[in-house]
Amino acid sequence: MKLTHINENGNPKMVNVGAKNITERLAIASGRIKMSKATFELAMSGQGKKGPVEQIAIISAIMGAKKTSELIAMAHPILISGTDAELIALPHLPGFELRVKVSTSGQTGVEMEALSAVSIGLLNLYDMLKAAEKGMEILDICLEYKSGGKSGEWRREQNS
């Protein structure tokens, strides 16, 4: 297997996607944040000092998808068709799962946008709750699904 972001001289490069076909592309990523029961209850109550932490996490996830090419060195700036984020309460953890779906019609995929969105959304959730607990853990950020492009469809369940 050859890495695509290295040129013939061994230097980093941004892949030229100009000759690739424009296809519908979709990526879904997820991650979790684990916290104490008290912090989870504070987040669920909406009574934290910084306001509605769940809504801020979702908005920041969407912003994270839009800013991916500014944060990931070799990611192309792309036109995102849509981003949908869902924060799911996990009382048994306790904590939350953030799932983000990103779509585009273009020459390169949106896996990095989905993964960046999850990362930024969970980091914002941490930021909103860190006054209550510094020991929260961000866990299991991963790609769940992708479709489109030359490599076609990929699903985590089939490849884990």
N, C-alpha and C. Protein backbone atom coordinates (compact mmCIF):
# COMPACT_ATOMS: atom_id res chain seq x y z
N MET A 1 0.85 -1.18 0.00
CA MET A 1 0.00 0.00 0.00
C MET A 1 0.89 1.24 0.00
N LYS A 2 0.55 2.20 -0.84
CA LYS A 2 1.29 3.45 -0.95
C LYS A 2 0.49 4.60 -0.35
N LEU A 3 1.13 5.41 0.47
CA LEU A 3 0.47 6.58 1.04
C LEU A 3 0.33 7.66 -0.04
N THR A 4 -0.83 8.28 -0.11
CA THR A 4 -1.10 9.23 -1.19
C THR A 4 -0.64 10.66 -0.89
N HIS A 5 -0.29 10.94 0.34
CA HIS A 5 0.11 12.30 0.69
C HIS A 5 1.62 12.47 0.76
N ILE A 6 2.35 11.56 0.10
CA ILE A 6 3.82 11.64 0.04
C ILE A 6 4.21 11.64 -1.43
N ASN A 7 5.06 12.60 -1.85
CA ASN A 7 5.46 12.63 -3.26
C ASN A 7 6.64 11.69 -3.51
N GLU A 8 7.12 11.67 -4.75
CA GLU A 8 8.20 10.76 -5.14
C GLU A 8 9.51 11.04 -4.42
N ASN A 9 9.66 12.23 -3.85
CA ASN A 9 10.86 12.58 -3.09
C ASN A 9 10.70 12.35 -1.59
N GLY A 10 9.55 11.82 -1.19
CA GLY A 10 9.31 11.54 0.22
C GLY A 10 8.79 12.74 1.00
N ASN A 11 8.41 13.80 0.30
CA ASN A 11 7.90 15.00 0.96
C ASN A 11 6.37 14.99 0.99
N PRO A 12 5.79 15.69 1.97
CA PRO A 12 4.33 15.77 2.03
C PRO A 12 3.76 16.51 0.82
N LYS A 13 2.58 16.09 0.39
CA LYS A 13 1.89 16.79 -0.70
C LYS A 13 0.39 16.69 -0.48
N MET A 14 -0.32 17.62 -1.07
CA MET A 14 -1.78 17.55 -1.09
C MET A 14 -2.16 16.81 -2.37
N VAL A 15 -2.96 15.78 -2.24
CA VAL A 15 -3.35 14.96 -3.38
C VAL A 15 -4.12 15.81 -4.39
N ASN A 16 -3.81 15.62 -5.67
CA ASN A 16 -4.53 16.31 -6.74
C ASN A 16 -5.80 15.52 -7.04
N VAL A 17 -6.94 16.11 -6.75
CA VAL A 17 -8.22 15.44 -6.98
C VAL A 17 -8.92 15.94 -8.25
N GLY A 18 -8.23 16.75 -9.02
CA GLY A 18 -8.82 17.38 -10.20
C GLY A 18 -9.39 16.42 -11.22
N ALA A 19 -8.79 15.26 -11.39
CA ALA A 19 -9.25 14.30 -12.38
C ALA A 19 -10.30 13.32 -11.84
N LYS A 20 -10.59 13.40 -10.55
CA LYS A 20 -11.56 12.47 -9.96
C LYS A 20 -12.98 12.87 -10.35
N ASN A 21 -13.84 11.86 -10.44
CA ASN A 21 -15.25 12.11 -10.75
C ASN A 21 -15.96 12.76 -9.57
N ILE A 22 -16.90 13.62 -9.89
CA ILE A 22 -17.76 14.20 -8.86
C ILE A 22 -18.82 13.16 -8.53
N THR A 23 -18.89 12.78 -7.25
CA THR A 23 -19.89 11.82 -6.80
C THR A 23 -20.51 12.31 -5.50
N GLU A 24 -21.66 11.76 -5.17
CA GLU A 24 -22.28 12.02 -3.87
C GLU A 24 -21.46 11.28 -2.83
N ARG A 25 -21.09 11.96 -1.77
CA ARG A 25 -20.25 11.38 -0.73
C ARG A 25 -20.87 11.65 0.63
N LEU A 26 -20.73 10.68 1.50
CA LEU A 26 -21.31 10.77 2.84
C LEU A 26 -20.36 10.11 3.82
N ALA A 27 -20.23 10.70 4.99
CA ALA A 27 -19.45 10.09 6.06
C ALA A 27 -20.18 10.30 7.38
N ILE A 28 -20.12 9.27 8.22
CA ILE A 28 -20.70 9.33 9.56
C ILE A 28 -19.60 8.95 10.54
N ALA A 29 -19.41 9.78 11.55
CA ALA A 29 -18.42 9.51 12.59
C ALA A 29 -19.09 9.63 13.95
N SER A 30 -18.45 9.04 14.96
CA SER A 30 -19.00 9.12 16.31
C SER A 30 -17.87 9.16 17.33
N GLY A 31 -18.22 9.54 18.53
CA GLY A 31 -17.30 9.54 19.65
C GLY A 31 -18.10 9.73 20.93
N ARG A 32 -17.44 9.49 22.06
CA ARG A 32 -18.13 9.59 23.35
C ARG A 32 -17.30 10.44 24.31
N ILE A 33 -18.00 10.98 25.30
CA ILE A 33 -17.33 11.64 26.41
C ILE A 33 -17.89 11.04 27.70
N LYS A 34 -16.98 10.62 28.56
CA LYS A 34 -17.35 9.98 29.82
C LYS A 34 -17.09 10.97 30.95
N MET A 35 -18.01 11.01 31.92
CA MET A 35 -17.91 11.95 33.02
C MET A 35 -18.53 11.34 34.27
N SER A 36 -18.40 12.04 35.38
CA SER A 36 -19.02 11.57 36.61
C SER A 36 -20.53 11.72 36.51
N LYS A 37 -21.22 11.02 37.38
CA LYS A 37 -22.69 11.10 37.42
C LYS A 37 -23.14 12.53 37.74
N ALA A 38 -22.43 13.19 38.65
CA ALA A 38 -22.80 14.56 39.03
C ALA A 38 -22.67 15.52 37.85
N THR A 39 -21.60 15.39 37.07
CA THR A 39 -21.41 16.26 35.91
C THR A 39 -22.45 15.95 34.84
N PHE A 40 -22.73 14.67 34.66
CA PHE A 40 -23.77 14.28 33.70
C PHE A 40 -25.12 14.89 34.08
N GLU A 41 -25.46 14.81 35.34
CA GLU A 41 -26.73 15.37 35.81
C GLU A 41 -26.76 16.89 35.64
N LEU A 42 -25.63 17.55 35.87
CA LEU A 42 -25.55 18.99 35.66
C LEU A 42 -25.78 19.31 34.19
N ALA A 43 -25.14 18.56 33.30
CA ALA A 43 -25.32 18.79 31.86
C ALA A 43 -26.77 18.58 31.45
N MET A 44 -27.38 17.53 31.98
CA MET A 44 -28.78 17.22 31.63
C MET A 44 -29.75 18.25 32.18
N SER A 45 -29.40 18.88 33.28
CA SER A 45 -30.30 19.86 33.90
C SER A 45 -30.36 21.18 33.13
N GLY A 46 -29.32 21.46 32.35
CA GLY A 46 -29.27 22.73 31.64
C GLY A 46 -28.96 23.90 32.55
N GLN A 47 -28.52 23.62 33.78
CA GLN A 47 -28.28 24.66 34.77
C GLN A 47 -26.81 25.05 34.90
N GLY A 48 -25.97 24.55 34.00
CA GLY A 48 -24.55 24.90 34.07
C GLY A 48 -24.32 26.37 33.83
N LYS A 49 -23.19 26.89 34.31
CA LYS A 49 -22.88 28.32 34.19
C LYS A 49 -22.75 28.78 32.74
N LYS A 50 -22.43 27.85 31.83
CA LYS A 50 -22.21 28.24 30.45
C LYS A 50 -23.40 27.98 29.54
N GLY A 51 -24.53 27.63 30.10
CA GLY A 51 -25.74 27.49 29.30
C GLY A 51 -26.00 26.09 28.79
N PRO A 52 -26.75 26.00 27.69
CA PRO A 52 -27.21 24.71 27.16
C PRO A 52 -26.08 23.94 26.48
N VAL A 53 -25.38 23.14 27.25
CA VAL A 53 -24.16 22.49 26.74
C VAL A 53 -24.45 21.58 25.55
N GLU A 54 -25.58 20.93 25.51
CA GLU A 54 -25.89 20.02 24.40
C GLU A 54 -26.00 20.78 23.08
N GLN A 55 -26.70 21.91 23.09
CA GLN A 55 -26.86 22.68 21.86
C GLN A 55 -25.53 23.27 21.39
N ILE A 56 -24.70 23.72 22.33
CA ILE A 56 -23.39 24.27 21.97
C ILE A 56 -22.52 23.19 21.36
N ALA A 57 -22.57 21.97 21.88
CA ALA A 57 -21.78 20.86 21.33
C ALA A 57 -22.19 20.58 19.88
N ILE A 58 -23.48 20.61 19.59
CA ILE A 58 -23.97 20.36 18.24
C ILE A 58 -23.55 21.48 17.29
N ILE A 59 -23.72 22.72 17.72
CA ILE A 59 -23.32 23.85 16.87
C ILE A 59 -21.82 23.83 16.61
N SER A 60 -21.03 23.55 17.63
CA SER A 60 -19.58 23.53 17.45
C SER A 60 -19.15 22.35 16.58
N ALA A 61 -19.87 21.24 16.62
CA ALA A 61 -19.57 20.13 15.72
C ALA A 61 -19.77 20.55 14.26
N ILE A 62 -20.85 21.24 13.99
CA ILE A 62 -21.10 21.74 12.63
C ILE A 62 -20.01 22.70 12.21
N MET A 63 -19.62 23.59 13.11
CA MET A 63 -18.53 24.52 12.80
C MET A 63 -17.22 23.77 12.56
N GLY A 64 -16.98 22.71 13.33
CA GLY A 64 -15.76 21.91 13.16
C GLY A 64 -15.69 21.28 11.78
N ALA A 65 -16.82 20.79 11.28
CA ALA A 65 -16.85 20.22 9.93
C ALA A 65 -16.47 21.28 8.90
N LYS A 66 -17.01 22.49 9.07
CA LYS A 66 -16.76 23.57 8.11
C LYS A 66 -15.31 24.05 8.12
N LYS A 67 -14.61 23.89 9.23
CA LYS A 67 -13.24 24.40 9.36
C LYS A 67 -12.16 23.32 9.17
N THR A 68 -12.54 22.14 8.75
CA THR A 68 -11.60 21.02 8.69
C THR A 68 -10.36 21.34 7.87
N SER A 69 -10.50 21.94 6.71
CA SER A 69 -9.32 22.20 5.87
C SER A 69 -8.36 23.19 6.51
N GLU A 70 -8.81 23.95 7.50
CA GLU A 70 -7.92 24.86 8.22
C GLU A 70 -7.19 24.15 9.35
N LEU A 71 -7.67 22.98 9.75
CA LEU A 71 -7.10 22.25 10.88
C LEU A 71 -6.31 21.01 10.48
N ILE A 72 -6.69 20.36 9.40
CA ILE A 72 -6.04 19.14 8.93
C ILE A 72 -5.19 19.52 7.73
N ALA A 73 -3.89 19.36 7.85
CA ALA A 73 -2.93 19.90 6.89
C ALA A 73 -3.23 19.56 5.43
N MET A 74 -3.57 18.34 5.12
CA MET A 74 -3.74 17.95 3.72
C MET A 74 -5.19 17.83 3.29
N ALA A 75 -6.12 18.28 4.12
CA ALA A 75 -7.54 18.22 3.75
C ALA A 75 -7.87 19.35 2.78
N HIS A 76 -8.60 19.02 1.73
CA HIS A 76 -9.02 20.01 0.74
C HIS A 76 -10.18 20.84 1.28
N PRO A 77 -10.20 22.13 0.97
CA PRO A 77 -11.41 22.91 1.28
C PRO A 77 -12.52 22.40 0.35
N ILE A 78 -13.62 21.99 0.91
CA ILE A 78 -14.69 21.44 0.08
C ILE A 78 -16.01 22.13 0.41
N LEU A 79 -16.92 22.03 -0.53
CA LEU A 79 -18.26 22.56 -0.32
C LEU A 79 -19.10 21.46 0.34
N ILE A 80 -19.44 21.67 1.59
CA ILE A 80 -20.24 20.70 2.33
C ILE A 80 -21.70 20.92 1.97
N SER A 81 -22.38 19.85 1.57
CA SER A 81 -23.81 19.95 1.25
C SER A 81 -24.66 20.00 2.50
N GLY A 82 -24.26 19.23 3.52
CA GLY A 82 -25.04 19.20 4.75
C GLY A 82 -24.27 18.57 5.89
N THR A 83 -24.60 18.98 7.09
CA THR A 83 -24.03 18.41 8.31
C THR A 83 -25.15 18.26 9.32
N ASP A 84 -25.24 17.06 9.90
CA ASP A 84 -26.27 16.79 10.90
C ASP A 84 -25.60 16.15 12.10
N ALA A 85 -25.79 16.72 13.26
CA ALA A 85 -25.15 16.21 14.48
C ALA A 85 -26.22 15.87 15.51
N GLU A 86 -25.97 14.79 16.23
CA GLU A 86 -26.90 14.34 17.28
C GLU A 86 -26.10 13.99 18.52
N LEU A 87 -26.49 14.56 19.64
CA LEU A 87 -25.87 14.25 20.92
C LEU A 87 -26.82 13.35 21.70
N ILE A 88 -26.34 12.17 22.04
CA ILE A 88 -27.18 11.15 22.68
C ILE A 88 -26.72 10.98 24.13
N ALA A 89 -27.63 11.17 25.07
CA ALA A 89 -27.31 10.98 26.49
C ALA A 89 -27.11 9.49 26.75
N LEU A 90 -26.05 9.17 27.49
CA LEU A 90 -25.73 7.78 27.87
C LEU A 90 -25.65 7.71 29.40
N PRO A 91 -26.79 7.62 30.08
CA PRO A 91 -26.78 7.62 31.55
C PRO A 91 -25.95 6.49 32.15
N HIS A 92 -25.86 5.36 31.46
CA HIS A 92 -25.11 4.21 31.99
C HIS A 92 -23.59 4.45 31.95
N LEU A 93 -23.10 5.37 31.11
CA LEU A 93 -21.66 5.61 30.99
C LEU A 93 -21.09 6.25 32.25
N PRO A 94 -21.51 7.29 32.83
CA PRO A 94 -22.39 8.32 32.29
C PRO A 94 -21.63 9.25 31.34
N GLY A 95 -22.37 9.81 30.40
CA GLY A 95 -21.78 10.72 29.42
C GLY A 95 -22.66 10.85 28.20
N PHE A 96 -22.02 11.14 27.09
CA PHE A 96 -22.75 11.39 25.85
C PHE A 96 -22.02 10.75 24.68
N GLU A 97 -22.79 10.43 23.66
CA GLU A 97 -22.24 10.04 22.36
C GLU A 97 -22.62 11.12 21.37
N LEU A 98 -21.66 11.53 20.55
CA LEU A 98 -21.91 12.51 19.50
C LEU A 98 -21.76 11.79 18.16
N ARG A 99 -22.80 11.86 17.34
CA ARG A 99 -22.78 11.27 16.00
C ARG A 99 -22.96 12.40 14.99
N VAL A 100 -22.11 12.41 13.97
CA VAL A 100 -22.17 13.47 12.97
C VAL A 100 -22.17 12.86 11.58
N LYS A 101 -23.07 13.36 10.75
CA LYS A 101 -23.18 12.95 9.35
C LYS A 101 -22.85 14.17 8.49
N VAL A 102 -21.92 13.99 7.55
CA VAL A 102 -21.52 15.07 6.64
C VAL A 102 -21.67 14.57 5.21
N SER A 103 -22.21 15.42 4.33
CA SER A 103 -22.37 15.04 2.93
C SER A 103 -21.85 16.13 2.01
N THR A 104 -21.49 15.70 0.81
CA THR A 104 -21.04 16.61 -0.23
C THR A 104 -21.26 15.96 -1.59
N SER A 105 -21.19 16.74 -2.60
CA SER A 105 -21.15 16.26 -3.97
C SER A 105 -19.84 16.82 -4.52
N GLY A 106 -18.83 15.94 -4.60
CA GLY A 106 -17.53 16.47 -4.97
C GLY A 106 -16.54 15.41 -5.38
N GLN A 107 -15.27 15.83 -5.43
CA GLN A 107 -14.19 14.98 -5.91
C GLN A 107 -13.37 14.34 -4.79
N THR A 108 -13.71 14.66 -3.55
CA THR A 108 -13.02 14.05 -2.42
C THR A 108 -14.02 13.85 -1.29
N GLY A 109 -13.72 12.90 -0.43
CA GLY A 109 -14.66 12.51 0.61
C GLY A 109 -14.73 13.46 1.79
N VAL A 110 -15.65 13.16 2.69
CA VAL A 110 -15.89 14.01 3.86
C VAL A 110 -15.62 13.26 5.17
N GLU A 111 -14.79 12.22 5.11
CA GLU A 111 -14.46 11.49 6.33
C GLU A 111 -13.78 12.40 7.35
N MET A 112 -12.82 13.20 6.90
CA MET A 112 -12.11 14.08 7.83
C MET A 112 -13.03 15.14 8.40
N GLU A 113 -14.00 15.61 7.62
CA GLU A 113 -14.96 16.59 8.12
C GLU A 113 -15.82 15.98 9.22
N ALA A 114 -16.26 14.74 9.03
CA ALA A 114 -17.08 14.08 10.05
C ALA A 114 -16.27 13.82 11.31
N LEU A 115 -15.04 13.34 11.15
CA LEU A 115 -14.19 13.07 12.32
C LEU A 115 -13.81 14.36 13.04
N SER A 116 -13.52 15.42 12.30
CA SER A 116 -13.21 16.71 12.92
C SER A 116 -14.42 17.26 13.66
N ALA A 117 -15.59 17.11 13.07
CA ALA A 117 -16.81 17.59 13.71
C ALA A 117 -17.03 16.91 15.06
N VAL A 118 -16.87 15.60 15.10
CA VAL A 118 -17.04 14.87 16.37
C VAL A 118 -16.00 15.35 17.38
N SER A 119 -14.77 15.46 16.96
CA SER A 119 -13.69 15.88 17.87
C SER A 119 -13.97 17.26 18.45
N ILE A 120 -14.30 18.21 17.60
CA ILE A 120 -14.55 19.59 18.04
C ILE A 120 -15.80 19.67 18.91
N GLY A 121 -16.84 18.95 18.54
CA GLY A 121 -18.07 18.95 19.35
C GLY A 121 -17.82 18.41 20.75
N LEU A 122 -17.07 17.31 20.85
CA LEU A 122 -16.77 16.74 22.17
C LEU A 122 -15.82 17.64 22.96
N LEU A 123 -14.86 18.26 22.29
CA LEU A 123 -13.97 19.20 22.98
C LEU A 123 -14.75 20.39 23.53
N ASN A 124 -15.74 20.86 22.78
CA ASN A 124 -16.57 21.96 23.27
C ASN A 124 -17.43 21.52 24.44
N LEU A 125 -17.91 20.30 24.41
CA LEU A 125 -18.67 19.78 25.55
C LEU A 125 -17.77 19.73 26.79
N TYR A 126 -16.54 19.26 26.60
CA TYR A 126 -15.57 19.26 27.70
C TYR A 126 -15.37 20.68 28.23
N ASP A 127 -15.18 21.63 27.32
CA ASP A 127 -14.95 23.02 27.72
C ASP A 127 -16.12 23.58 28.52
N MET A 128 -17.32 23.24 28.10
CA MET A 128 -18.51 23.75 28.78
C MET A 128 -18.66 23.18 30.18
N LEU A 129 -18.11 21.98 30.42
CA LEU A 129 -18.31 21.29 31.70
C LEU A 129 -17.05 21.20 32.55
N LYS A 130 -15.92 21.70 32.07
CA LYS A 130 -14.65 21.52 32.79
C LYS A 130 -14.63 22.18 34.16
N ALA A 131 -15.43 23.20 34.38
CA ALA A 131 -15.49 23.82 35.70
C ALA A 131 -16.04 22.84 36.73
N ALA A 132 -16.90 21.92 36.28
CA ALA A 132 -17.47 20.92 37.18
C ALA A 132 -16.55 19.70 37.31
N GLU A 133 -15.81 19.39 36.24
CA GLU A 133 -14.97 18.18 36.26
C GLU A 133 -13.88 18.26 35.21
N LYS A 134 -12.65 18.13 35.66
CA LYS A 134 -11.52 18.16 34.73
C LYS A 134 -11.13 16.77 34.24
N GLY A 135 -11.61 15.72 34.90
CA GLY A 135 -11.21 14.36 34.58
C GLY A 135 -12.06 13.65 33.55
N MET A 136 -12.89 14.38 32.82
CA MET A 136 -13.70 13.74 31.78
C MET A 136 -12.78 13.11 30.72
N GLU A 137 -13.28 12.07 30.07
CA GLU A 137 -12.50 11.38 29.05
C GLU A 137 -13.25 11.40 27.72
N ILE A 138 -12.54 11.78 26.66
CA ILE A 138 -13.07 11.70 25.31
C ILE A 138 -12.60 10.37 24.74
N LEU A 139 -13.56 9.56 24.24
CA LEU A 139 -13.28 8.17 23.87
C LEU A 139 -13.81 7.82 22.48
N ASP A 140 -13.15 6.87 21.87
CA ASP A 140 -13.70 6.11 20.74
C ASP A 140 -14.12 6.96 19.55
N ILE A 141 -13.37 8.00 19.21
CA ILE A 141 -13.70 8.76 18.00
C ILE A 141 -13.34 7.89 16.80
N CYS A 142 -14.34 7.66 15.94
CA CYS A 142 -14.08 6.77 14.81
C CYS A 142 -15.04 7.03 13.66
N LEU A 143 -14.63 6.60 12.48
CA LEU A 143 -15.49 6.62 11.31
C LEU A 143 -16.42 5.42 11.39
N GLU A 144 -17.71 5.65 11.24
CA GLU A 144 -18.71 4.58 11.27
C GLU A 144 -19.09 4.11 9.87
N TYR A 145 -19.13 5.07 8.91
CA TYR A 145 -19.62 4.77 7.58
C TYR A 145 -19.10 5.81 6.60
N LYS A 146 -18.86 5.39 5.36
CA LYS A 146 -18.59 6.32 4.28
C LYS A 146 -19.10 5.73 2.99
N SER A 147 -19.50 6.60 2.09
CA SER A 147 -19.93 6.15 0.77
C SER A 147 -19.50 7.18 -0.26
N GLY A 148 -19.43 6.71 -1.51
CA GLY A 148 -19.05 7.57 -2.62
C GLY A 148 -17.59 7.43 -2.98
N GLY A 149 -17.26 7.95 -4.14
CA GLY A 149 -15.88 7.91 -4.59
C GLY A 149 -15.47 6.54 -5.12
N LYS A 150 -14.20 6.44 -5.49
CA LYS A 150 -13.67 5.22 -6.09
C LYS A 150 -13.74 4.02 -5.14
N SER A 151 -13.53 4.25 -3.84
CA SER A 151 -13.54 3.13 -2.90
C SER A 151 -14.94 2.71 -2.49
N GLY A 152 -15.95 3.47 -2.87
CA GLY A 152 -17.34 3.07 -2.63
C GLY A 152 -17.77 3.12 -1.18
N GLU A 153 -18.53 2.12 -0.78
CA GLU A 153 -19.13 2.08 0.55
C GLU A 153 -18.25 1.32 1.53
N TRP A 154 -18.17 1.83 2.74
CA TRP A 154 -17.44 1.19 3.83
C TRP A 154 -18.27 1.35 5.10
N ARG A 155 -18.37 0.29 5.87
CA ARG A 155 -19.14 0.31 7.12
C ARG A 155 -18.30 -0.32 8.23
N ARG A 156 -18.23 0.31 9.40
CA ARG A 156 -17.41 -0.17 10.50
C ARG A 156 -17.72 -1.62 10.88
N GLU A 157 -19.00 -1.98 10.97
CA GLU A 157 -19.36 -3.33 11.39
C GLU A 157 -18.74 -4.40 10.52
N GLN A 158 -18.56 -4.09 9.23
CA GLN A 158 -18.01 -5.05 8.28
C GLN A 158 -16.49 -5.11 8.34
N ASN A 159 -15.86 -4.09 8.90
CA ASN A 159 -14.41 -3.98 8.81
C ASN A 159 -13.72 -3.95 10.17
N SER A 160 -14.44 -4.16 11.25
CA SER A 160 -13.82 -4.11 12.59
C SER A 160 -13.24 -5.45 12.96
